[in-house]
């Protein structure tokens, strides 16, 4: 008896690697890399909106609730990142102040051990005071820049959220219309099906009634051998 022929692996021999699903996904990702990041973002957002409103079985209120939930989560994440950025900034400035204060204290301590003239003492403390003013002036500039950047980021986020909400509202109006039309069509179909069922039952009942009302002798079987 001949030995059974070993069947080749479908995944490795029946199709070339470049036609496999993995290859297709790789090619898609490669193609995606050639798309500018901003366009990728627009495509992803459009796909998100399409997916959100693709299932007409969801009520409009459910779709809106889902969108609002996602927006709120994005806002929570944004606020969390903003809080973290502020904490890091405050931590950095405090560390710089502590180091600066320590440096000035060490300078004063070292200077106090020296024998100096009144002019030298005056000049030394004037220099320290100048360094202190420059340091805190620089920190204030950094904080002003930081706060301006934070305001810009928040404004950009709120503008983005508002724009996406406006876009959603426009699409949601169309979705509501399609949902209501689909719901009405399903209700009409259900009504028609029920009417057909009732009509069929009525026809059966009428046919049975006509048979029941006939002379019983007509329905009796003809005797055999007569």
C-alpha atoms as a PDB file:
ATOM      1  CA  UNK A   1       0.000   0.000   0.000  1.00  0.00           C
ATOM      2  CA  UNK A   2       1.348   3.381  -0.980  1.00  0.00           C
ATOM      3  CA  UNK A   3       2.259   5.717   1.822  1.00  0.00           C
ATOM      4  CA  UNK A   4      -0.133   8.665   2.178  1.00  0.00           C
ATOM      5  CA  UNK A   5       1.063  11.760   0.464  1.00  0.00           C
ATOM      6  CA  UNK A   6       1.944  14.513   2.906  1.00  0.00           C
ATOM      7  CA  UNK A   7      -0.321  17.482   2.295  1.00  0.00           C
ATOM      8  CA  UNK A   8       1.593  20.729   2.011  1.00  0.00           C
ATOM      9  CA  UNK A   9       0.938  23.442   4.571  1.00  0.00           C
ATOM     10  CA  UNK A  10      -1.677  25.782   3.137  1.00  0.00           C
ATOM     11  CA  UNK A  11      -0.175  28.825   4.829  1.00  0.00           C
ATOM     12  CA  UNK A  12       3.288  28.311   3.376  1.00  0.00           C
ATOM     13  CA  UNK A  13       2.855  26.797  -0.069  1.00  0.00           C
ATOM     14  CA  UNK A  14      -0.532  27.576  -1.587  1.00  0.00           C
ATOM     15  CA  UNK A  15       0.031  31.317  -1.547  1.00  0.00           C
ATOM     16  CA  UNK A  16       3.108  33.443  -1.769  1.00  0.00           C
ATOM     17  CA  UNK A  17       4.161  35.185   1.421  1.00  0.00           C
ATOM     18  CA  UNK A  18       3.414  38.560  -0.098  1.00  0.00           C
ATOM     19  CA  UNK A  19      -0.248  37.536  -0.445  1.00  0.00           C
ATOM     20  CA  UNK A  20      -0.653  36.403   3.161  1.00  0.00           C
ATOM     21  CA  UNK A  21      -2.737  38.413   5.562  1.00  0.00           C
ATOM     22  CA  UNK A  22       0.340  39.222   7.586  1.00  0.00           C
ATOM     23  CA  UNK A  23       2.025  40.570   4.503  1.00  0.00           C
ATOM     24  CA  UNK A  24      -1.071  42.606   3.724  1.00  0.00           C
ATOM     25  CA  UNK A  25      -1.041  44.072   7.232  1.00  0.00           C
ATOM     26  CA  UNK A  26       2.662  44.803   6.975  1.00  0.00           C
ATOM     27  CA  UNK A  27       2.133  46.490   3.627  1.00  0.00           C
ATOM     28  CA  UNK A  28      -0.723  48.493   5.094  1.00  0.00           C
ATOM     29  CA  UNK A  29       1.418  49.645   8.006  1.00  0.00           C
ATOM     30  CA  UNK A  30       4.232  50.522   5.605  1.00  0.00           C
ATOM     31  CA  UNK A  31       1.801  52.504   3.495  1.00  0.00           C
ATOM     32  CA  UNK A  32       0.481  54.170   6.637  1.00  0.00           C
ATOM     33  CA  UNK A  33       3.996  55.286   7.547  1.00  0.00           C
ATOM     34  CA  UNK A  34       4.120  57.223   4.289  1.00  0.00           C
ATOM     35  CA  UNK A  35       1.022  59.178   5.297  1.00  0.00           C
ATOM     36  CA  UNK A  36       1.692  62.444   7.157  1.00  0.00           C
ATOM     37  CA  UNK A  37       0.898  62.169  10.890  1.00  0.00           C
ATOM     38  CA  UNK A  38      -1.825  64.804  10.652  1.00  0.00           C
ATOM     39  CA  UNK A  39      -3.559  62.893   7.856  1.00  0.00           C
ATOM     40  CA  UNK A  40      -3.240  59.660   9.853  1.00  0.00           C
ATOM     41  CA  UNK A  41      -4.929  61.405  12.755  1.00  0.00           C
ATOM     42  CA  UNK A  42      -7.758  62.650  10.531  1.00  0.00           C
ATOM     43  CA  UNK A  43      -8.250  59.166   9.071  1.00  0.00           C
ATOM     44  CA  UNK A  44      -8.284  57.576  12.521  1.00  0.00           C
ATOM     45  CA  UNK A  45     -10.810  60.101  13.798  1.00  0.00           C
ATOM     46  CA  UNK A  46     -13.044  59.595  10.762  1.00  0.00           C
ATOM     47  CA  UNK A  47     -12.854  55.824  11.265  1.00  0.00           C
ATOM     48  CA  UNK A  48     -13.790  56.325  14.918  1.00  0.00           C
ATOM     49  CA  UNK A  49     -16.849  58.404  14.019  1.00  0.00           C
ATOM     50  CA  UNK A  50     -17.884  55.894  11.340  1.00  0.00           C
ATOM     51  CA  UNK A  51     -17.556  53.012  13.781  1.00  0.00           C
ATOM     52  CA  UNK A  52     -19.481  54.870  16.462  1.00  0.00           C
ATOM     53  CA  UNK A  53     -22.458  55.353  14.146  1.00  0.00           C
ATOM     54  CA  UNK A  54     -22.317  52.187  12.074  1.00  0.00           C
ATOM     55  CA  UNK A  55     -24.659  50.093  14.239  1.00  0.00           C
ATOM     56  CA  UNK A  56     -28.215  51.349  13.734  1.00  0.00           C
ATOM     57  CA  UNK A  57     -29.439  49.101  16.548  1.00  0.00           C
ATOM     58  CA  UNK A  58     -28.007  51.594  19.050  1.00  0.00           C
ATOM     59  CA  UNK A  59     -30.365  54.330  20.127  1.00  0.00           C
ATOM     60  CA  UNK A  60     -29.250  57.917  19.406  1.00  0.00           C
ATOM     61  CA  UNK A  61     -29.051  58.560  23.152  1.00  0.00           C
ATOM     62  CA  UNK A  62     -26.749  55.553  23.563  1.00  0.00           C
ATOM     63  CA  UNK A  63     -24.472  56.828  20.796  1.00  0.00           C
ATOM     64  CA  UNK A  64     -24.348  60.298  22.348  1.00  0.00           C
ATOM     65  CA  UNK A  65     -23.654  58.834  25.774  1.00  0.00           C
ATOM     66  CA  UNK A  66     -20.794  56.800  24.319  1.00  0.00           C
ATOM     67  CA  UNK A  67     -19.284  59.859  22.642  1.00  0.00           C
ATOM     68  CA  UNK A  68     -19.649  61.990  25.781  1.00  0.00           C
ATOM     69  CA  UNK A  69     -17.995  59.271  27.845  1.00  0.00           C
ATOM     70  CA  UNK A  70     -15.001  59.185  25.502  1.00  0.00           C
ATOM     71  CA  UNK A  71     -14.684  62.985  25.467  1.00  0.00           C
ATOM     72  CA  UNK A  72     -14.825  63.038  29.272  1.00  0.00           C
ATOM     73  CA  UNK A  73     -12.127  60.371  29.499  1.00  0.00           C
ATOM     74  CA  UNK A  74      -9.926  62.361  27.123  1.00  0.00           C
ATOM     75  CA  UNK A  75     -10.488  65.469  29.223  1.00  0.00           C
ATOM     76  CA  UNK A  76      -9.635  63.567  32.409  1.00  0.00           C
ATOM     77  CA  UNK A  77      -6.440  62.316  30.782  1.00  0.00           C
ATOM     78  CA  UNK A  78      -5.591  65.837  29.607  1.00  0.00           C
ATOM     79  CA  UNK A  79      -6.175  67.287  33.078  1.00  0.00           C
ATOM     80  CA  UNK A  80      -4.060  64.532  34.591  1.00  0.00           C
ATOM     81  CA  UNK A  81      -1.201  65.322  32.211  1.00  0.00           C
ATOM     82  CA  UNK A  82      -1.524  69.044  32.928  1.00  0.00           C
ATOM     83  CA  UNK A  83      -1.426  68.413  36.672  1.00  0.00           C
ATOM     84  CA  UNK A  84       1.624  66.201  36.267  1.00  0.00           C
ATOM     85  CA  UNK A  85       3.383  68.838  34.144  1.00  0.00           C
ATOM     86  CA  UNK A  86       2.666  71.503  36.768  1.00  0.00           C
ATOM     87  CA  UNK A  87       3.918  69.288  39.577  1.00  0.00           C
ATOM     88  CA  UNK A  88       7.123  68.558  37.657  1.00  0.00           C
ATOM     89  CA  UNK A  89       7.642  72.253  36.911  1.00  0.00           C
ATOM     90  CA  UNK A  90       7.095  73.248  40.546  1.00  0.00           C
ATOM     91  CA  UNK A  91       9.416  70.469  41.674  1.00  0.00           C
ATOM     92  CA  UNK A  92      12.151  71.628  39.296  1.00  0.00           C
ATOM     93  CA  UNK A  93      11.872  75.262  40.356  1.00  0.00           C
ATOM     94  CA  UNK A  94      11.893  74.349  44.045  1.00  0.00           C
ATOM     95  CA  UNK A  95      15.018  72.253  43.545  1.00  0.00           C
ATOM     96  CA  UNK A  96      16.702  75.156  41.750  1.00  0.00           C
ATOM     97  CA  UNK A  97      15.719  77.558  44.567  1.00  0.00           C
ATOM     98  CA  UNK A  98      17.015  75.193  47.232  1.00  0.00           C
ATOM     99  CA  UNK A  99      20.309  74.793  45.403  1.00  0.00           C
ATOM    100  CA  UNK A 100      20.621  78.542  44.853  1.00  0.00           C
ATOM    101  CA  UNK A 101      19.818  79.337  48.494  1.00  0.00           C
ATOM    102  CA  UNK A 102      22.361  76.757  49.645  1.00  0.00           C
ATOM    103  CA  UNK A 103      24.988  78.167  47.304  1.00  0.00           C
ATOM    104  CA  UNK A 104      24.465  81.717  48.604  1.00  0.00           C
ATOM    105  CA  UNK A 105      24.539  80.526  52.216  1.00  0.00           C
ATOM    106  CA  UNK A 106      27.847  78.760  51.602  1.00  0.00           C
ATOM    107  CA  UNK A 107      29.228  81.877  49.913  1.00  0.00           C
ATOM    108  CA  UNK A 108      28.238  84.049  52.889  1.00  0.00           C
ATOM    109  CA  UNK A 109      29.727  81.558  55.333  1.00  0.00           C
ATOM    110  CA  UNK A 110      33.017  81.419  53.449  1.00  0.00           C
ATOM    111  CA  UNK A 111      33.105  85.212  53.136  1.00  0.00           C
ATOM    112  CA  UNK A 112      32.482  85.719  56.857  1.00  0.00           C
ATOM    113  CA  UNK A 113      35.732  83.900  57.637  1.00  0.00           C
ATOM    114  CA  UNK A 114      37.748  86.404  55.662  1.00  0.00           C
ATOM    115  CA  UNK A 115      39.154  89.709  56.837  1.00  0.00           C
ATOM    116  CA  UNK A 116      37.781  92.277  54.422  1.00  0.00           C
ATOM    117  CA  UNK A 117      37.277  95.994  54.215  1.00  0.00           C
ATOM    118  CA  UNK A 118      33.878  97.630  54.443  1.00  0.00           C
ATOM    119  CA  UNK A 119      33.961  98.340  50.711  1.00  0.00           C
ATOM    120  CA  UNK A 120      34.696  94.690  49.949  1.00  0.00           C
ATOM    121  CA  UNK A 121      31.882  93.639  52.260  1.00  0.00           C
ATOM    122  CA  UNK A 122      29.506  96.065  50.585  1.00  0.00           C
ATOM    123  CA  UNK A 123      30.509  94.874  47.129  1.00  0.00           C
ATOM    124  CA  UNK A 124      30.141  91.217  48.131  1.00  0.00           C
ATOM    125  CA  UNK A 125      26.609  91.597  49.454  1.00  0.00           C
ATOM    126  CA  UNK A 126      25.616  93.771  46.519  1.00  0.00           C
ATOM    127  CA  UNK A 127      26.796  90.980  44.215  1.00  0.00           C
ATOM    128  CA  UNK A 128      24.841  88.411  46.223  1.00  0.00           C
ATOM    129  CA  UNK A 129      21.742  90.573  46.074  1.00  0.00           C
ATOM    130  CA  UNK A 130      22.194  91.042  42.331  1.00  0.00           C
ATOM    131  CA  UNK A 131      22.509  87.287  41.812  1.00  0.00           C
ATOM    132  CA  UNK A 132      19.398  86.732  43.915  1.00  0.00           C
ATOM    133  CA  UNK A 133      17.382  89.253  41.896  1.00  0.00           C
ATOM    134  CA  UNK A 134      18.591  87.767  38.604  1.00  0.00           C
ATOM    135  CA  UNK A 135      17.765  84.249  39.777  1.00  0.00           C
ATOM    136  CA  UNK A 136      14.212  85.048  40.867  1.00  0.00           C
ATOM    137  CA  UNK A 137      13.648  87.190  37.792  1.00  0.00           C
ATOM    138  CA  UNK A 138      14.659  84.240  35.617  1.00  0.00           C
ATOM    139  CA  UNK A 139      12.376  81.913  37.572  1.00  0.00           C
ATOM    140  CA  UNK A 140       9.486  84.334  37.109  1.00  0.00           C
ATOM    141  CA  UNK A 141      10.113  84.439  33.361  1.00  0.00           C
ATOM    142  CA  UNK A 142      10.179  80.648  33.267  1.00  0.00           C
ATOM    143  CA  UNK A 143       6.904  80.462  35.205  1.00  0.00           C
ATOM    144  CA  UNK A 144       5.271  83.048  32.949  1.00  0.00           C
ATOM    145  CA  UNK A 145       6.329  81.023  29.900  1.00  0.00           C
ATOM    146  CA  UNK A 146       5.114  77.828  31.533  1.00  0.00           C
ATOM    147  CA  UNK A 147       1.718  79.308  32.398  1.00  0.00           C
ATOM    148  CA  UNK A 148       1.351  80.724  28.883  1.00  0.00           C
ATOM    149  CA  UNK A 149       2.167  77.306  27.435  1.00  0.00           C
ATOM    150  CA  UNK A 150      -0.358  75.657  29.758  1.00  0.00           C
ATOM    151  CA  UNK A 151      -3.049  78.143  28.719  1.00  0.00           C
ATOM    152  CA  UNK A 152      -2.301  77.487  25.047  1.00  0.00           C
ATOM    153  CA  UNK A 153      -2.480  73.734  25.549  1.00  0.00           C
ATOM    154  CA  UNK A 154      -5.789  73.970  27.392  1.00  0.00           C
ATOM    155  CA  UNK A 155      -7.229  76.311  24.778  1.00  0.00           C
ATOM    156  CA  UNK A 156      -6.088  73.987  22.001  1.00  0.00           C
ATOM    157  CA  UNK A 157      -7.645  71.005  23.751  1.00  0.00           C
ATOM    158  CA  UNK A 158     -10.947  72.761  24.393  1.00  0.00           C
ATOM    159  CA  UNK A 159     -11.039  74.038  20.791  1.00  0.00           C
ATOM    160  CA  UNK A 160     -10.380  70.507  19.580  1.00  0.00           C
ATOM    161  CA  UNK A 161     -13.036  69.000  21.862  1.00  0.00           C
ATOM    162  CA  UNK A 162     -15.528  71.653  20.761  1.00  0.00           C
ATOM    163  CA  UNK A 163     -14.784  71.059  17.074  1.00  0.00           C
ATOM    164  CA  UNK A 164     -15.171  67.299  17.476  1.00  0.00           C
ATOM    165  CA  UNK A 165     -18.404  67.781  19.407  1.00  0.00           C
ATOM    166  CA  UNK A 166     -19.759  69.994  16.616  1.00  0.00           C
ATOM    167  CA  UNK A 167     -18.726  67.361  14.077  1.00  0.00           C
ATOM    168  CA  UNK A 168     -20.379  64.660  16.166  1.00  0.00           C
ATOM    169  CA  UNK A 169     -23.596  66.664  16.507  1.00  0.00           C
ATOM    170  CA  UNK A 170     -23.816  67.070  12.754  1.00  0.00           C
ATOM    171  CA  UNK A 171     -23.232  63.361  12.146  1.00  0.00           C
ATOM    172  CA  UNK A 172     -25.540  62.476  15.030  1.00  0.00           C
ATOM    173  CA  UNK A 173     -28.446  64.319  13.412  1.00  0.00           C
ATOM    174  CA  UNK A 174     -27.980  62.203  10.301  1.00  0.00           C
ATOM    175  CA  UNK A 175     -27.614  59.071  12.434  1.00  0.00           C
ATOM    176  CA  UNK A 176     -30.827  59.865  14.315  1.00  0.00           C
ATOM    177  CA  UNK A 177     -32.676  60.213  11.022  1.00  0.00           C
ATOM    178  CA  UNK A 178     -31.262  56.930   9.695  1.00  0.00           C
ATOM    179  CA  UNK A 179     -31.974  55.197  13.007  1.00  0.00           C
ATOM    180  CA  UNK A 180     -35.603  56.364  13.042  1.00  0.00           C
ATOM    181  CA  UNK A 181     -36.082  55.363   9.408  1.00  0.00           C
ATOM    182  CA  UNK A 182     -34.564  51.954  10.086  1.00  0.00           C
ATOM    183  CA  UNK A 183     -36.703  51.521  13.195  1.00  0.00           C
ATOM    184  CA  UNK A 184     -39.846  52.441  11.244  1.00  0.00           C
ATOM    185  CA  UNK A 185     -38.891  50.087   8.404  1.00  0.00           C
ATOM    186  CA  UNK A 186     -38.409  47.229  10.859  1.00  0.00           C
ATOM    187  CA  UNK A 187     -41.721  48.033  12.553  1.00  0.00           C
ATOM    188  CA  UNK A 188     -43.490  48.122   9.165  1.00  0.00           C
ATOM    189  CA  UNK A 189     -41.907  44.826   8.188  1.00  0.00           C
ATOM    190  CA  UNK A 190     -42.958  43.282  11.487  1.00  0.00           C
ATOM    191  CA  UNK A 191     -46.479  44.626  11.006  1.00  0.00           C
ATOM    192  CA  UNK A 192     -46.664  43.261   7.472  1.00  0.00           C
ATOM    193  CA  UNK A 193     -45.411  39.872   8.640  1.00  0.00           C
ATOM    194  CA  UNK A 194     -48.020  39.800  11.396  1.00  0.00           C
ATOM    195  CA  UNK A 195     -50.768  40.818   8.973  1.00  0.00           C
ATOM    196  CA  UNK A 196     -49.724  38.071   6.559  1.00  0.00           C
ATOM    197  CA  UNK A 197     -49.741  35.563   9.399  1.00  0.00           C
ATOM    198  CA  UNK A 198     -53.213  36.656  10.480  1.00  0.00           C
ATOM    199  CA  UNK A 199     -54.496  36.556   6.896  1.00  0.00           C
ATOM    200  CA  UNK A 200     -53.085  33.075   6.417  1.00  0.00           C
ATOM    201  CA  UNK A 201     -54.716  31.915   9.634  1.00  0.00           C
ATOM    202  CA  UNK A 202     -57.978  33.535   8.555  1.00  0.00           C
ATOM    203  CA  UNK A 203     -57.873  31.724   5.199  1.00  0.00           C
ATOM    204  CA  UNK A 204     -57.230  28.421   6.943  1.00  0.00           C
ATOM    205  CA  UNK A 205     -60.095  29.036   9.367  1.00  0.00           C
ATOM    206  CA  UNK A 206     -62.450  29.953   6.524  1.00  0.00           C
ATOM    207  CA  UNK A 207     -61.498  26.863   4.569  1.00  0.00           C
ATOM    208  CA  UNK A 208     -62.018  24.684   7.604  1.00  0.00           C
ATOM    209  CA  UNK A 209     -65.361  26.352   8.326  1.00  0.00           C
ATOM    210  CA  UNK A 210     -66.600  25.723   4.778  1.00  0.00           C
ATOM    211  CA  UNK A 211     -65.710  22.061   5.127  1.00  0.00           C
ATOM    212  CA  UNK A 212     -67.339  21.823   8.540  1.00  0.00           C
ATOM    213  CA  UNK A 213     -70.616  23.280   7.260  1.00  0.00           C
ATOM    214  CA  UNK A 214     -70.989  20.716   4.448  1.00  0.00           C
ATOM    215  CA  UNK A 215     -73.521  17.813   4.702  1.00  0.00           C
ATOM    216  CA  UNK A 216     -71.847  15.132   6.800  1.00  0.00           C
ATOM    217  CA  UNK A 217     -73.022  12.458   4.343  1.00  0.00           C
ATOM    218  CA  UNK A 218     -70.916  14.067   1.674  1.00  0.00           C
ATOM    219  CA  UNK A 219     -67.894  13.613   3.843  1.00  0.00           C
ATOM    220  CA  UNK A 220     -68.654   9.933   4.621  1.00  0.00           C
ATOM    221  CA  UNK A 221     -66.428   7.457   2.779  1.00  0.00           C
ATOM    222  CA  UNK A 222     -68.042   5.462  -0.013  1.00  0.00           C
ATOM    223  CA  UNK A 223     -68.837   1.909   1.113  1.00  0.00           C
ATOM    224  CA  UNK A 224     -66.774  -0.842  -0.466  1.00  0.00           C
ATOM    225  CA  UNK A 225     -68.293  -3.876  -2.146  1.00  0.00           C
ATOM    226  CA  UNK A 226     -71.735  -2.352  -2.687  1.00  0.00           C
END
